[in-house]
C-alpha atoms as a PDB file:
ATOM      1  CA  MET A   1     -46.915  92.757-164.805  1.00  0.00           C
ATOM      2  CA  GLY A   2     -48.087  94.047-161.470  1.00  0.00           C
ATOM      3  CA  LYS A   3     -51.345  95.287-162.939  1.00  0.00           C
ATOM      4  CA  LYS A   4     -52.211  91.928-164.492  1.00  0.00           C
ATOM      5  CA  ARG A   5     -51.602  90.061-161.270  1.00  0.00           C
ATOM      6  CA  LYS A   6     -53.769  92.477-159.324  1.00  0.00           C
ATOM      7  CA  GLN A   7     -56.561  92.127-161.860  1.00  0.00           C
ATOM      8  CA  GLN A   8     -56.341  88.327-161.811  1.00  0.00           C
ATOM      9  CA  GLN A   9     -56.486  88.306-158.021  1.00  0.00           C
ATOM     10  CA  ARG A  10     -59.539  90.525-158.063  1.00  0.00           C
ATOM     11  CA  VAL A  11     -61.268  88.228-160.562  1.00  0.00           C
ATOM     12  CA  ASP A  12     -60.402  85.121-158.529  1.00  0.00           C
ATOM     13  CA  ASN A  13     -61.580  86.708-155.312  1.00  0.00           C
ATOM     14  CA  SER A  14     -64.850  87.871-156.873  1.00  0.00           C
ATOM     15  CA  VAL A  15     -65.593  84.392-158.246  1.00  0.00           C
ATOM     16  CA  THR A  16     -65.139  82.682-154.889  1.00  0.00           C
ATOM     17  CA  ALA A  17     -66.903  85.486-153.029  1.00  0.00           C
ATOM     18  CA  SER A  18     -69.961  85.299-155.298  1.00  0.00           C
ATOM     19  CA  LEU A  19     -70.554  81.602-154.583  1.00  0.00           C
ATOM     20  CA  PRO A  20     -72.414  80.779-151.377  1.00  0.00           C
ATOM     21  CA  ARG A  21     -70.562  78.670-148.809  1.00  0.00           C
ATOM     22  CA  GLN A  22     -72.544  75.545-149.592  1.00  0.00           C
ATOM     23  CA  GLU A  23     -72.045  75.746-153.364  1.00  0.00           C
ATOM     24  CA  ALA A  24     -68.311  76.513-153.268  1.00  0.00           C
ATOM     25  CA  VAL A  25     -66.410  73.709-154.978  1.00  0.00           C
ATOM     26  CA  THR A  26     -63.280  72.592-153.155  1.00  0.00           C
ATOM     27  CA  LEU A  27     -60.261  70.926-154.670  1.00  0.00           C
ATOM     28  CA  ALA A  28     -61.130  67.672-152.902  1.00  0.00           C
ATOM     29  CA  ASP A  29     -64.554  67.705-154.584  1.00  0.00           C
ATOM     30  CA  GLN A  30     -63.011  68.283-157.996  1.00  0.00           C
ATOM     31  CA  LEU A  31     -60.409  65.547-157.722  1.00  0.00           C
ATOM     32  CA  GLY A  32     -62.628  62.709-156.711  1.00  0.00           C
ATOM     33  CA  GLY A  33     -62.201  60.058-154.034  1.00  0.00           C
ATOM     34  CA  ASP A  34     -59.719  57.813-155.827  1.00  0.00           C
ATOM     35  CA  VAL A  35     -57.239  60.534-156.717  1.00  0.00           C
ATOM     36  CA  LEU A  36     -57.557  62.091-153.287  1.00  0.00           C
ATOM     37  CA  ALA A  37     -56.858  58.729-151.627  1.00  0.00           C
ATOM     38  CA  LYS A  38     -53.750  58.275-153.795  1.00  0.00           C
ATOM     39  CA  LEU A  39     -52.514  61.734-152.859  1.00  0.00           C
ATOM     40  CA  LYS A  40     -53.020  61.050-149.162  1.00  0.00           C
ATOM     41  CA  ALA A  41     -51.177  57.727-149.465  1.00  0.00           C
ATOM     42  CA  ALA A  42     -48.303  59.429-151.277  1.00  0.00           C
ATOM     43  CA  LYS A  43     -48.153  62.068-148.549  1.00  0.00           C
ATOM     44  CA  GLN A  44     -47.996  59.394-145.839  1.00  0.00           C
ATOM     45  CA  ASP A  45     -45.253  57.582-147.779  1.00  0.00           C
ATOM     46  CA  LEU A  46     -43.234  60.750-148.113  1.00  0.00           C
ATOM     47  CA  THR A  47     -43.668  61.576-144.431  1.00  0.00           C
ATOM     48  CA  ALA A  48     -42.515  58.079-143.455  1.00  0.00           C
ATOM     49  CA  LYS A  49     -39.456  58.326-145.702  1.00  0.00           C
ATOM     50  CA  GLU A  50     -38.519  61.726-144.285  1.00  0.00           C
ATOM     51  CA  GLN A  51     -38.880  60.432-140.736  1.00  0.00           C
ATOM     52  CA  ALA A  52     -36.721  57.390-141.504  1.00  0.00           C
ATOM     53  CA  ALA A  53     -34.062  59.614-143.077  1.00  0.00           C
ATOM     54  CA  GLU A  54     -34.063  61.889-140.020  1.00  0.00           C
ATOM     55  CA  GLU A  55     -33.713  58.914-137.655  1.00  0.00           C
ATOM     56  CA  GLU A  56     -30.846  57.583-139.770  1.00  0.00           C
ATOM     57  CA  ARG A  57     -29.136  60.960-139.690  1.00  0.00           C
ATOM     58  CA  GLN A  58     -29.489  61.154-135.896  1.00  0.00           C
ATOM     59  CA  ALA A  59     -28.071  57.649-135.493  1.00  0.00           C
ATOM     60  CA  LYS A  60     -25.133  58.513-137.722  1.00  0.00           C
ATOM     61  CA  LEU A  61     -24.386  61.658-135.707  1.00  0.00           C
ATOM     62  CA  ALA A  62     -24.489  59.698-132.442  1.00  0.00           C
ATOM     63  CA  PHE A  63     -22.144  57.060-133.870  1.00  0.00           C
ATOM     64  CA  GLU A  64     -19.706  59.729-135.061  1.00  0.00           C
ATOM     65  CA  ARG A  65     -19.778  61.376-131.620  1.00  0.00           C
ATOM     66  CA  LYS A  66     -18.963  58.065-129.948  1.00  0.00           C
ATOM     67  CA  GLN A  67     -16.123  57.432-132.402  1.00  0.00           C
ATOM     68  CA  ARG A  68     -14.613  60.870-131.733  1.00  0.00           C
ATOM     69  CA  GLU A  69     -14.826  60.265-127.972  1.00  0.00           C
ATOM     70  CA  LYS A  70     -13.282  56.839-128.378  1.00  0.00           C
ATOM     71  CA  ASN A  71     -10.367  58.139-130.452  1.00  0.00           C
ATOM     72  CA  LYS A  72      -9.404  61.051-128.211  1.00  0.00           C
ATOM     73  CA  SER A  73      -5.802  61.229-127.121  1.00  0.00           C
ATOM     74  CA  PHE A  74      -4.765  61.194-123.476  1.00  0.00           C
ATOM     75  CA  GLU A  75      -4.028  64.924-123.670  1.00  0.00           C
ATOM     76  CA  GLU A  76      -7.532  65.728-124.968  1.00  0.00           C
ATOM     77  CA  LEU A  77      -9.118  63.598-122.242  1.00  0.00           C
ATOM     78  CA  LEU A  78      -6.994  65.198-119.550  1.00  0.00           C
ATOM     79  CA  ASN A  79      -7.879  68.687-120.797  1.00  0.00           C
ATOM     80  CA  GLU A  80     -11.568  67.837-120.958  1.00  0.00           C
ATOM     81  CA  TYR A  81     -11.986  66.006-117.650  1.00  0.00           C
ATOM     82  CA  GLY A  82      -8.946  67.102-115.632  1.00  0.00           C
ATOM     83  CA  ASP A  83      -9.139  66.137-111.975  1.00  0.00           C
ATOM     84  CA  LYS A  84     -12.895  65.590-112.079  1.00  0.00           C
ATOM     85  CA  GLY A  85     -12.530  61.841-112.546  1.00  0.00           C
ATOM     86  CA  SER A  86     -13.748  59.407-109.920  1.00  0.00           C
ATOM     87  CA  LYS A  87     -11.386  57.738-107.479  1.00  0.00           C
ATOM     88  CA  PHE A  88     -11.929  54.337-108.999  1.00  0.00           C
END
């Protein structure tokens, strides 16, 4: 298997190396404007969804932290803060 992969890589490299820079066909050129625009829109959609999911996860973690702090017993609060509390 290793020999076939090496041969295929050599063939692929020789094909792209033989074409001048100006005549090299890129994937964007092959796909066409409409398909490329759809791919870019899908990428933006996916990025927006991932960002929203991350923000939701962060908000959930912050809420859980607040709930844990709120539900601490007197002993846990005393151990955590001790005599550091303010005079008021």
